[in-house]
PDB file of all heavy atoms in Angstrom:
ATOM      1  N   ASN A   1      28.671 -22.961 -17.951  1.00  0.00           N
ATOM      2  CA  ASN A   1      27.397 -23.148 -18.655  1.00  0.00           C
ATOM      3  C   ASN A   1      26.752 -21.815 -19.011  1.00  0.00           C
ATOM      4  O   ASN A   1      25.541 -21.745 -19.190  1.00  0.00           O
ATOM      5  CB  ASN A   1      26.419 -23.965 -17.806  1.00  0.00           C
ATOM      6  CG  ASN A   1      26.852 -25.407 -17.691  1.00  0.00           C
ATOM      7  OD1 ASN A   1      27.326 -25.994 -18.643  1.00  0.00           O
ATOM      8  ND2 ASN A   1      26.715 -25.967 -16.506  1.00  0.00           N
ATOM      9  N   THR A   2      27.548 -20.763 -19.089  1.00  0.00           N
ATOM     10  CA  THR A   2      26.996 -19.450 -19.370  1.00  0.00           C
ATOM     11  C   THR A   2      27.812 -18.726 -20.440  1.00  0.00           C
ATOM     12  O   THR A   2      28.999 -18.968 -20.598  1.00  0.00           O
ATOM     13  CB  THR A   2      26.962 -18.561 -18.113  1.00  0.00           C
ATOM     14  OG1 THR A   2      28.294 -18.370 -17.644  1.00  0.00           O
ATOM     15  CG2 THR A   2      26.096 -19.150 -17.029  1.00  0.00           C
ATOM     16  N   ILE A   3      27.122 -17.853 -21.146  1.00  0.00           N
ATOM     17  CA  ILE A   3      27.761 -16.981 -22.127  1.00  0.00           C
ATOM     18  C   ILE A   3      27.276 -15.569 -21.851  1.00  0.00           C
ATOM     19  O   ILE A   3      26.095 -15.334 -21.648  1.00  0.00           O
ATOM     20  CB  ILE A   3      27.386 -17.382 -23.570  1.00  0.00           C
ATOM     21  CG1 ILE A   3      27.845 -18.802 -23.874  1.00  0.00           C
ATOM     22  CG2 ILE A   3      27.980 -16.388 -24.572  1.00  0.00           C
ATOM     23  CD1 ILE A   3      27.305 -19.356 -25.178  1.00  0.00           C
ATOM     24  N   SER A   4      28.189 -14.646 -21.868  1.00  0.00           N
ATOM     25  CA  SER A   4      27.880 -13.239 -21.681  1.00  0.00           C
ATOM     26  C   SER A   4      28.032 -12.536 -23.029  1.00  0.00           C
ATOM     27  O   SER A   4      29.010 -12.744 -23.734  1.00  0.00           O
ATOM     28  CB  SER A   4      28.867 -12.663 -20.658  1.00  0.00           C
ATOM     29  OG  SER A   4      28.997 -11.298 -20.780  1.00  0.00           O
ATOM     30  N   VAL A   5      27.021 -11.742 -23.388  1.00  0.00           N
ATOM     31  CA  VAL A   5      27.089 -10.907 -24.592  1.00  0.00           C
ATOM     32  C   VAL A   5      27.172  -9.471 -24.096  1.00  0.00           C
ATOM     33  O   VAL A   5      26.306  -9.012 -23.354  1.00  0.00           O
ATOM     34  CB  VAL A   5      25.851 -11.101 -25.495  1.00  0.00           C
ATOM     35  CG1 VAL A   5      25.952 -10.213 -26.724  1.00  0.00           C
ATOM     36  CG2 VAL A   5      25.697 -12.564 -25.902  1.00  0.00           C
ATOM     37  N   GLU A   6      28.244  -8.782 -24.497  1.00  0.00           N
ATOM     38  CA  GLU A   6      28.493  -7.421 -24.030  1.00  0.00           C
ATOM     39  C   GLU A   6      28.545  -6.455 -25.202  1.00  0.00           C
ATOM     40  O   GLU A   6      28.910  -6.844 -26.312  1.00  0.00           O
ATOM     41  CB  GLU A   6      29.829  -7.356 -23.292  1.00  0.00           C
ATOM     42  CG  GLU A   6      29.921  -8.312 -22.130  1.00  0.00           C
ATOM     43  CD  GLU A   6      31.329  -8.421 -21.568  1.00  0.00           C
ATOM     44  OE1 GLU A   6      32.286  -7.939 -22.222  1.00  0.00           O
ATOM     45  OE2 GLU A   6      31.469  -8.991 -20.483  1.00  0.00           O
ATOM     46  N   ASN A   7      28.197  -5.200 -24.946  1.00  0.00           N
ATOM     47  CA  ASN A   7      28.386  -4.191 -25.979  1.00  0.00           C
ATOM     48  C   ASN A   7      29.873  -3.836 -26.031  1.00  0.00           C
ATOM     49  O   ASN A   7      30.667  -4.333 -25.219  1.00  0.00           O
ATOM     50  CB  ASN A   7      27.490  -2.972 -25.751  1.00  0.00           C
ATOM     51  CG  ASN A   7      27.750  -2.267 -24.450  1.00  0.00           C
ATOM     52  OD1 ASN A   7      28.820  -2.361 -23.857  1.00  0.00           O
ATOM     53  ND2 ASN A   7      26.764  -1.531 -23.971  1.00  0.00           N
ATOM     54  N   THR A   8      30.270  -3.001 -26.959  1.00  0.00           N
ATOM     55  CA  THR A   8      31.692  -2.698 -27.130  1.00  0.00           C
ATOM     56  C   THR A   8      32.271  -1.890 -25.966  1.00  0.00           C
ATOM     57  O   THR A   8      33.484  -1.794 -25.836  1.00  0.00           O
ATOM     58  CB  THR A   8      31.947  -1.961 -28.458  1.00  0.00           C
ATOM     59  OG1 THR A   8      31.094  -0.819 -28.521  1.00  0.00           O
ATOM     60  CG2 THR A   8      31.684  -2.858 -29.650  1.00  0.00           C
ATOM     61  N   GLU A   9      31.407  -1.347 -25.108  1.00  0.00           N
ATOM     62  CA  GLU A   9      31.885  -0.650 -23.909  1.00  0.00           C
ATOM     63  C   GLU A   9      32.118  -1.612 -22.747  1.00  0.00           C
ATOM     64  O   GLU A   9      32.557  -1.210 -21.677  1.00  0.00           O
ATOM     65  CB  GLU A   9      30.879   0.432 -23.471  1.00  0.00           C
ATOM     66  CG  GLU A   9      30.812   1.630 -24.402  1.00  0.00           C
ATOM     67  CD  GLU A   9      29.908   1.390 -25.608  1.00  0.00           C
ATOM     68  OE1 GLU A   9      28.832   0.801 -25.447  1.00  0.00           O
ATOM     69  OE2 GLU A   9      30.308   1.774 -26.717  1.00  0.00           O
ATOM     70  N   GLY A  10      31.787  -2.893 -22.934  1.00  0.00           N
ATOM     71  CA  GLY A  10      32.002  -3.899 -21.899  1.00  0.00           C
ATOM     72  C   GLY A  10      30.831  -4.099 -20.966  1.00  0.00           C
ATOM     73  O   GLY A  10      30.944  -4.818 -19.972  1.00  0.00           O
ATOM     74  N   THR A  11      29.670  -3.504 -21.263  1.00  0.00           N
ATOM     75  CA  THR A  11      28.480  -3.687 -20.435  1.00  0.00           C
ATOM     76  C   THR A  11      27.741  -4.937 -20.886  1.00  0.00           C
ATOM     77  O   THR A  11      27.429  -5.083 -22.062  1.00  0.00           O
ATOM     78  CB  THR A  11      27.538  -2.463 -20.575  1.00  0.00           C
ATOM     79  OG1 THR A  11      28.253  -1.290 -20.191  1.00  0.00           O
ATOM     80  CG2 THR A  11      26.303  -2.631 -19.708  1.00  0.00           C
ATOM     81  N   GLU A  12      27.485  -5.851 -19.940  1.00  0.00           N
ATOM     82  CA  GLU A  12      26.739  -7.064 -20.286  1.00  0.00           C
ATOM     83  C   GLU A  12      25.306  -6.690 -20.641  1.00  0.00           C
ATOM     84  O   GLU A  12      24.622  -6.029 -19.877  1.00  0.00           O
ATOM     85  CB  GLU A  12      26.748  -8.058 -19.129  1.00  0.00           C
ATOM     86  CG  GLU A  12      26.033  -9.351 -19.481  1.00  0.00           C
ATOM     87  CD  GLU A  12      26.050 -10.359 -18.370  1.00  0.00           C
ATOM     88  OE1 GLU A  12      25.218 -10.224 -17.452  1.00  0.00           O
ATOM     89  OE2 GLU A  12      26.896 -11.252 -18.417  1.00  0.00           O
ATOM     90  N   ILE A  13      24.877  -7.142 -21.837  1.00  0.00           N
ATOM     91  CA  ILE A  13      23.499  -6.876 -22.240  1.00  0.00           C
ATOM     92  C   ILE A  13      22.658  -8.147 -22.246  1.00  0.00           C
ATOM     93  O   ILE A  13      21.445  -8.076 -22.105  1.00  0.00           O
ATOM     94  CB  ILE A  13      23.429  -6.137 -23.603  1.00  0.00           C
ATOM     95  CG1 ILE A  13      24.248  -6.856 -24.655  1.00  0.00           C
ATOM     96  CG2 ILE A  13      23.866  -4.699 -23.455  1.00  0.00           C
ATOM     97  CD1 ILE A  13      24.177  -6.226 -26.047  1.00  0.00           C
ATOM     98  N   TYR A  14      23.305  -9.304 -22.383  1.00  0.00           N
ATOM     99  CA  TYR A  14      22.606 -10.589 -22.319  1.00  0.00           C
ATOM    100  C   TYR A  14      23.483 -11.609 -21.635  1.00  0.00           C
ATOM    101  O   TYR A  14      24.704 -11.561 -21.738  1.00  0.00           O
ATOM    102  CB  TYR A  14      22.239 -11.109 -23.725  1.00  0.00           C
ATOM    103  CG  TYR A  14      21.187 -10.264 -24.359  1.00  0.00           C
ATOM    104  CD1 TYR A  14      21.523  -9.226 -25.205  1.00  0.00           C
ATOM    105  CD2 TYR A  14      19.848 -10.463 -24.065  1.00  0.00           C
ATOM    106  CE1 TYR A  14      20.556  -8.405 -25.742  1.00  0.00           C
ATOM    107  CE2 TYR A  14      18.875  -9.646 -24.606  1.00  0.00           C
ATOM    108  CZ  TYR A  14      19.232  -8.623 -25.446  1.00  0.00           C
ATOM    109  OH  TYR A  14      18.279  -7.800 -25.968  1.00  0.00           O
ATOM    110  N   ASN A  15      22.830 -12.528 -20.946  1.00  0.00           N
ATOM    111  CA  ASN A  15      23.499 -13.664 -20.328  1.00  0.00           C
ATOM    112  C   ASN A  15      22.724 -14.898 -20.740  1.00  0.00           C
ATOM    113  O   ASN A  15      21.513 -14.960 -20.543  1.00  0.00           O
ATOM    114  CB  ASN A  15      23.521 -13.510 -18.805  1.00  0.00           C
ATOM    115  CG  ASN A  15      24.251 -14.633 -18.146  1.00  0.00           C
ATOM    116  OD1 ASN A  15      23.739 -15.747 -18.071  1.00  0.00           O
ATOM    117  ND2 ASN A  15      25.447 -14.357 -17.683  1.00  0.00           N
ATOM    118  N   LEU A  16      23.411 -15.850 -21.341  1.00  0.00           N
ATOM    119  CA  LEU A  16      22.774 -17.094 -21.769  1.00  0.00           C
ATOM    120  C   LEU A  16      23.200 -18.207 -20.832  1.00  0.00           C
ATOM    121  O   LEU A  16      24.397 -18.339 -20.528  1.00  0.00           O
ATOM    122  CB  LEU A  16      23.192 -17.466 -23.192  1.00  0.00           C
ATOM    123  CG  LEU A  16      22.629 -16.612 -24.322  1.00  0.00           C
ATOM    124  CD1 LEU A  16      23.326 -15.281 -24.411  1.00  0.00           C
ATOM    125  CD2 LEU A  16      22.743 -17.349 -25.634  1.00  0.00           C
ATOM    126  N   THR A  17      22.243 -18.984 -20.366  1.00  0.00           N
ATOM    127  CA  THR A  17      22.517 -20.155 -19.544  1.00  0.00           C
ATOM    128  C   THR A  17      22.150 -21.373 -20.376  1.00  0.00           C
ATOM    129  O   THR A  17      21.032 -21.463 -20.890  1.00  0.00           O
ATOM    130  CB  THR A  17      21.697 -20.125 -18.240  1.00  0.00           C
ATOM    131  OG1 THR A  17      21.991 -18.906 -17.549  1.00  0.00           O
ATOM    132  CG2 THR A  17      22.024 -21.312 -17.361  1.00  0.00           C
ATOM    133  N   ILE A  18      23.094 -22.297 -20.506  1.00  0.00           N
ATOM    134  CA  ILE A  18      22.905 -23.449 -21.382  1.00  0.00           C
ATOM    135  C   ILE A  18      22.932 -24.728 -20.555  1.00  0.00           C
ATOM    136  O   ILE A  18      23.871 -24.977 -19.800  1.00  0.00           O
ATOM    137  CB  ILE A  18      24.014 -23.514 -22.460  1.00  0.00           C
ATOM    138  CG1 ILE A  18      23.943 -22.292 -23.385  1.00  0.00           C
ATOM    139  CG2 ILE A  18      23.876 -24.759 -23.306  1.00  0.00           C
ATOM    140  CD1 ILE A  18      24.815 -21.175 -22.987  1.00  0.00           C
ATOM    141  N   THR A  19      21.865 -25.520 -20.676  1.00  0.00           N
ATOM    142  CA  THR A  19      21.818 -26.864 -20.091  1.00  0.00           C
ATOM    143  C   THR A  19      21.479 -27.829 -21.224  1.00  0.00           C
ATOM    144  O   THR A  19      21.177 -27.409 -22.340  1.00  0.00           O
ATOM    145  CB  THR A  19      20.749 -26.983 -18.980  1.00  0.00           C
ATOM    146  OG1 THR A  19      19.450 -26.855 -19.573  1.00  0.00           O
ATOM    147  CG2 THR A  19      20.937 -25.931 -17.903  1.00  0.00           C
ATOM    148  N   ASP A  20      21.503 -29.122 -20.940  1.00  0.00           N
ATOM    149  CA  ASP A  20      21.128 -30.106 -21.961  1.00  0.00           C
ATOM    150  C   ASP A  20      19.662 -29.960 -22.370  1.00  0.00           C
ATOM    151  O   ASP A  20      19.284 -30.342 -23.462  1.00  0.00           O
ATOM    152  CB  ASP A  20      21.360 -31.534 -21.460  1.00  0.00           C
ATOM    153  CG  ASP A  20      22.825 -31.911 -21.458  1.00  0.00           C
ATOM    154  OD1 ASP A  20      23.625 -31.212 -22.116  1.00  0.00           O
ATOM    155  OD2 ASP A  20      23.175 -32.904 -20.793  1.00  0.00           O
ATOM    156  N   GLU A  21      18.835 -29.404 -21.487  1.00  0.00           N
ATOM    157  CA  GLU A  21      17.404 -29.285 -21.751  1.00  0.00           C
ATOM    158  C   GLU A  21      16.999 -27.965 -22.396  1.00  0.00           C
ATOM    159  O   GLU A  21      16.095 -27.933 -23.219  1.00  0.00           O
ATOM    160  CB  GLU A  21      16.595 -29.461 -20.450  1.00  0.00           C
ATOM    161  CG  GLU A  21      16.660 -30.847 -19.852  1.00  0.00           C
ATOM    162  CD  GLU A  21      17.953 -31.076 -19.070  1.00  0.00           C
ATOM    163  OE1 GLU A  21      18.484 -30.119 -18.481  1.00  0.00           O
ATOM    164  OE2 GLU A  21      18.438 -32.221 -19.068  1.00  0.00           O
ATOM    165  N   GLU A  22      17.644 -26.861 -21.985  1.00  0.00           N
ATOM    166  CA  GLU A  22      17.192 -25.567 -22.486  1.00  0.00           C
ATOM    167  C   GLU A  22      18.311 -24.535 -22.537  1.00  0.00           C
ATOM    168  O   GLU A  22      19.346 -24.677 -21.890  1.00  0.00           O
ATOM    169  CB  GLU A  22      16.030 -25.032 -21.653  1.00  0.00           C
ATOM    170  CG  GLU A  22      16.363 -24.793 -20.201  1.00  0.00           C
ATOM    171  CD  GLU A  22      15.138 -24.489 -19.357  1.00  0.00           C
ATOM    172  OE1 GLU A  22      14.028 -24.942 -19.699  1.00  0.00           O
ATOM    173  OE2 GLU A  22      15.307 -23.793 -18.336  1.00  0.00           O
ATOM    174  N   ILE A  23      18.041 -23.496 -23.313  1.00  0.00           N
ATOM    175  CA  ILE A  23      18.908 -22.323 -23.379  1.00  0.00           C
ATOM    176  C   ILE A  23      18.066 -21.143 -22.928  1.00  0.00           C
ATOM    177  O   ILE A  23      17.008 -20.882 -23.495  1.00  0.00           O
ATOM    178  CB  ILE A  23      19.443 -22.102 -24.805  1.00  0.00           C
ATOM    179  CG1 ILE A  23      20.305 -23.305 -25.228  1.00  0.00           C
ATOM    180  CG2 ILE A  23      20.239 -20.793 -24.886  1.00  0.00           C
ATOM    181  CD1 ILE A  23      20.752 -23.269 -26.674  1.00  0.00           C
ATOM    182  N   THR A  24      18.523 -20.478 -21.892  1.00  0.00           N
ATOM    183  CA  THR A  24      17.803 -19.341 -21.339  1.00  0.00           C
ATOM    184  C   THR A  24      18.567 -18.070 -21.666  1.00  0.00           C
ATOM    185  O   THR A  24      19.761 -17.974 -21.393  1.00  0.00           O
ATOM    186  CB  THR A  24      17.652 -19.482 -19.811  1.00  0.00           C
ATOM    187  OG1 THR A  24      17.041 -20.743 -19.523  1.00  0.00           O
ATOM    188  CG2 THR A  24      16.798 -18.364 -19.239  1.00  0.00           C
ATOM    189  N   ILE A  25      17.857 -17.114 -22.262  1.00  0.00           N
ATOM    190  CA  ILE A  25      18.443 -15.820 -22.587  1.00  0.00           C
ATOM    191  C   ILE A  25      17.872 -14.799 -21.614  1.00  0.00           C
ATOM    192  O   ILE A  25      16.671 -14.544 -21.602  1.00  0.00           O
ATOM    193  CB  ILE A  25      18.115 -15.408 -24.042  1.00  0.00           C
ATOM    194  CG1 ILE A  25      18.611 -16.470 -25.031  1.00  0.00           C
ATOM    195  CG2 ILE A  25      18.701 -14.034 -24.346  1.00  0.00           C
ATOM    196  CD1 ILE A  25      18.133 -16.269 -26.458  1.00  0.00           C
ATOM    197  N   ASN A  26      18.744 -14.246 -20.767  1.00  0.00           N
ATOM    198  CA  ASN A  26      18.348 -13.225 -19.799  1.00  0.00           C
ATOM    199  C   ASN A  26      18.901 -11.889 -20.266  1.00  0.00           C
ATOM    200  O   ASN A  26      20.064 -11.798 -20.647  1.00  0.00           O
ATOM    201  CB  ASN A  26      18.919 -13.536 -18.408  1.00  0.00           C
ATOM    202  CG  ASN A  26      18.338 -14.800 -17.842  1.00  0.00           C
ATOM    203  OD1 ASN A  26      17.149 -14.874 -17.596  1.00  0.00           O
ATOM    204  ND2 ASN A  26      19.170 -15.811 -17.665  1.00  0.00           N
ATOM    205  N   GLU A  27      18.074 -10.856 -20.240  1.00  0.00           N
ATOM    206  CA  GLU A  27      18.551  -9.551 -20.675  1.00  0.00           C
ATOM    207  C   GLU A  27      18.736  -8.613 -19.501  1.00  0.00           C
ATOM    208  O   GLU A  27      18.095  -8.758 -18.464  1.00  0.00           O
ATOM    209  CB  GLU A  27      17.632  -8.957 -21.721  1.00  0.00           C
ATOM    210  CG  GLU A  27      16.214  -8.713 -21.291  1.00  0.00           C
ATOM    211  CD  GLU A  27      15.378  -8.199 -22.444  1.00  0.00           C
ATOM    212  OE1 GLU A  27      14.856  -9.030 -23.199  1.00  0.00           O
ATOM    213  OE2 GLU A  27      15.250  -6.983 -22.568  1.00  0.00           O
ATOM    214  N   SER A  28      19.632  -7.656 -19.680  1.00  0.00           N
ATOM    215  CA  SER A  28      19.878  -6.644 -18.655  1.00  0.00           C
ATOM    216  C   SER A  28      19.138  -5.366 -19.027  1.00  0.00           C
ATOM    217  O   SER A  28      18.505  -5.278 -20.081  1.00  0.00           O
ATOM    218  CB  SER A  28      21.379  -6.365 -18.550  1.00  0.00           C
ATOM    219  OG  SER A  28      21.803  -5.618 -19.675  1.00  0.00           O
ATOM    220  N   ALA A  29      19.273  -4.367 -18.195  1.00  0.00           N
ATOM    221  CA  ALA A  29      18.629  -3.079 -18.457  1.00  0.00           C
ATOM    222  C   ALA A  29      19.195  -2.410 -19.712  1.00  0.00           C
ATOM    223  O   ALA A  29      18.535  -1.590 -20.331  1.00  0.00           O
ATOM    224  CB  ALA A  29      18.808  -2.164 -17.252  1.00  0.00           C
ATOM    225  N   ALA A  30      20.401  -2.786 -20.116  1.00  0.00           N
ATOM    226  CA  ALA A  30      21.042  -2.170 -21.284  1.00  0.00           C
ATOM    227  C   ALA A  30      20.651  -2.848 -22.601  1.00  0.00           C
ATOM    228  O   ALA A  30      21.124  -2.460 -23.664  1.00  0.00           O
ATOM    229  CB  ALA A  30      22.562  -2.211 -21.114  1.00  0.00           C
ATOM    230  N   SER A  31      19.778  -3.836 -22.557  1.00  0.00           N
ATOM    231  CA  SER A  31      19.394  -4.570 -23.761  1.00  0.00           C
ATOM    232  C   SER A  31      18.411  -3.768 -24.610  1.00  0.00           C
ATOM    233  O   SER A  31      17.873  -2.769 -24.170  1.00  0.00           O
ATOM    234  CB  SER A  31      18.778  -5.915 -23.390  1.00  0.00           C
ATOM    235  OG  SER A  31      17.578  -5.707 -22.686  1.00  0.00           O
ATOM    236  N   ASP A  32      18.205  -4.242 -25.845  1.00  0.00           N
ATOM    237  CA  ASP A  32      17.233  -3.583 -26.718  1.00  0.00           C
ATOM    238  C   ASP A  32      16.473  -4.630 -27.524  1.00  0.00           C
ATOM    239  O   ASP A  32      16.903  -5.772 -27.649  1.00  0.00           O
ATOM    240  CB  ASP A  32      17.916  -2.567 -27.648  1.00  0.00           C
ATOM    241  CG  ASP A  32      18.880  -3.230 -28.598  1.00  0.00           C
ATOM    242  OD1 ASP A  32      18.419  -3.773 -29.617  1.00  0.00           O
ATOM    243  OD2 ASP A  32      20.092  -3.214 -28.329  1.00  0.00           O
ATOM    244  N   LYS A  33      15.331  -4.228 -28.071  1.00  0.00           N
ATOM    245  CA  LYS A  33      14.432  -5.152 -28.753  1.00  0.00           C
ATOM    246  C   LYS A  33      15.076  -5.790 -29.996  1.00  0.00           C
ATOM    247  O   LYS A  33      14.955  -6.989 -30.213  1.00  0.00           O
ATOM    248  CB  LYS A  33      13.143  -4.424 -29.146  1.00  0.00           C
ATOM    249  CG  LYS A  33      12.114  -5.328 -29.787  1.00  0.00           C
ATOM    250  CD  LYS A  33      10.835  -4.587 -30.099  1.00  0.00           C
ATOM    251  CE  LYS A  33       9.835  -5.516 -30.757  1.00  0.00           C
ATOM    252  NZ  LYS A  33       8.581  -4.850 -31.057  1.00  0.00           N
ATOM    253  N   LYS A  34      15.779  -5.003 -30.816  1.00  0.00           N
ATOM    254  CA  LYS A  34      16.389  -5.541 -32.036  1.00  0.00           C
ATOM    255  C   LYS A  34      17.409  -6.622 -31.698  1.00  0.00           C
ATOM    256  O   LYS A  34      17.395  -7.700 -32.283  1.00  0.00           O
ATOM    257  CB  LYS A  34      17.065  -4.437 -32.848  1.00  0.00           C
ATOM    258  CG  LYS A  34      17.769  -4.991 -34.087  1.00  0.00           C
ATOM    259  CD  LYS A  34      18.537  -3.939 -34.858  1.00  0.00           C
ATOM    260  CE  LYS A  34      19.278  -4.595 -36.021  1.00  0.00           C
ATOM    261  NZ  LYS A  34      20.133  -3.675 -36.738  1.00  0.00           N
ATOM    262  N   THR A  35      18.274  -6.343 -30.734  1.00  0.00           N
ATOM    263  CA  THR A  35      19.296  -7.318 -30.360  1.00  0.00           C
ATOM    264  C   THR A  35      18.661  -8.563 -29.781  1.00  0.00           C
ATOM    265  O   THR A  35      19.070  -9.680 -30.087  1.00  0.00           O
ATOM    266  CB  THR A  35      20.294  -6.696 -29.364  1.00  0.00           C
ATOM    267  OG1 THR A  35      20.823  -5.501 -29.932  1.00  0.00           O
ATOM    268  CG2 THR A  35      21.428  -7.660 -29.058  1.00  0.00           C
ATOM    269  N   ARG A  36      17.632  -8.397 -28.942  1.00  0.00           N
ATOM    270  CA  ARG A  36      16.938  -9.553 -28.353  1.00  0.00           C
ATOM    271  C   ARG A  36      16.375 -10.450 -29.445  1.00  0.00           C
ATOM    272  O   ARG A  36      16.549 -11.664 -29.429  1.00  0.00           O
ATOM    273  CB  ARG A  36      15.820  -9.081 -27.425  1.00  0.00           C
ATOM    274  CG  ARG A  36      15.022 -10.246 -26.826  1.00  0.00           C
ATOM    275  CD  ARG A  36      13.928  -9.779 -25.877  1.00  0.00           C
ATOM    276  NE  ARG A  36      12.933  -8.965 -26.539  1.00  0.00           N
ATOM    277  CZ  ARG A  36      12.638  -7.705 -26.200  1.00  0.00           C
ATOM    278  NH1 ARG A  36      13.256  -7.111 -25.211  1.00  0.00           N
ATOM    279  NH2 ARG A  36      11.708  -7.036 -26.851  1.00  0.00           N
ATOM    280  N   GLU A  37      15.697  -9.866 -30.428  1.00  0.00           N
ATOM    281  CA  GLU A  37      15.103 -10.660 -31.512  1.00  0.00           C
ATOM    282  C   GLU A  37      16.168 -11.337 -32.367  1.00  0.00           C
ATOM    283  O   GLU A  37      16.041 -12.501 -32.739  1.00  0.00           O
ATOM    284  CB  GLU A  37      14.200  -9.788 -32.379  1.00  0.00           C
ATOM    285  CG  GLU A  37      12.820  -9.623 -31.797  1.00  0.00           C
ATOM    286  CD  GLU A  37      12.150 -10.953 -31.500  1.00  0.00           C
ATOM    287  OE1 GLU A  37      11.968 -11.769 -32.431  1.00  0.00           O
ATOM    288  OE2 GLU A  37      11.820 -11.205 -30.338  1.00  0.00           O
ATOM    289  N   LYS A  38      17.237 -10.621 -32.687  1.00  0.00           N
ATOM    290  CA  LYS A  38      18.318 -11.193 -33.499  1.00  0.00           C
ATOM    291  C   LYS A  38      19.015 -12.326 -32.747  1.00  0.00           C
ATOM    292  O   LYS A  38      19.349 -13.356 -33.335  1.00  0.00           O
ATOM    293  CB  LYS A  38      19.333 -10.124 -33.906  1.00  0.00           C
ATOM    294  CG  LYS A  38      18.821  -9.163 -34.947  1.00  0.00           C
ATOM    295  CD  LYS A  38      18.737  -9.848 -36.294  1.00  0.00           C
ATOM    296  CE  LYS A  38      18.515  -8.853 -37.407  1.00  0.00           C
ATOM    297  NZ  LYS A  38      18.567  -9.473 -38.723  1.00  0.00           N
ATOM    298  N   LEU A  39      19.229 -12.148 -31.445  1.00  0.00           N
ATOM    299  CA  LEU A  39      19.868 -13.186 -30.645  1.00  0.00           C
ATOM    300  C   LEU A  39      18.977 -14.422 -30.576  1.00  0.00           C
ATOM    301  O   LEU A  39      19.450 -15.553 -30.746  1.00  0.00           O
ATOM    302  CB  LEU A  39      20.187 -12.659 -29.249  1.00  0.00           C
ATOM    303  CG  LEU A  39      20.953 -13.579 -28.317  1.00  0.00           C
ATOM    304  CD1 LEU A  39      22.280 -14.013 -28.925  1.00  0.00           C
ATOM    305  CD2 LEU A  39      21.190 -12.895 -26.975  1.00  0.00           C
ATOM    306  N   ARG A  40      17.680 -14.221 -30.364  1.00  0.00           N
ATOM    307  CA  ARG A  40      16.736 -15.344 -30.340  1.00  0.00           C
ATOM    308  C   ARG A  40      16.747 -16.071 -31.681  1.00  0.00           C
ATOM    309  O   ARG A  40      16.839 -17.296 -31.734  1.00  0.00           O
ATOM    310  CB  ARG A  40      15.322 -14.862 -30.018  1.00  0.00           C
ATOM    311  CG  ARG A  40      14.289 -15.997 -29.930  1.00  0.00           C
ATOM    312  CD  ARG A  40      12.866 -15.479 -29.832  1.00  0.00           C
ATOM    313  NE  ARG A  40      12.483 -14.621 -30.927  1.00  0.00           N
ATOM    314  CZ  ARG A  40      12.191 -15.054 -32.170  1.00  0.00           C
ATOM    315  NH1 ARG A  40      12.248 -16.329 -32.454  1.00  0.00           N
ATOM    316  NH2 ARG A  40      11.837 -14.186 -33.108  1.00  0.00           N
TER     317      ARG A  40
END
């Protein structure tokens, strides 16, 4: 029930948890504002 979004160096920058009710986007310290907005 999860998806990992990684940069090309293999560092996880987002983790998505998917249930029937909601999709939760969790960001790591390596995330950035542009990617967060585009992913949302």
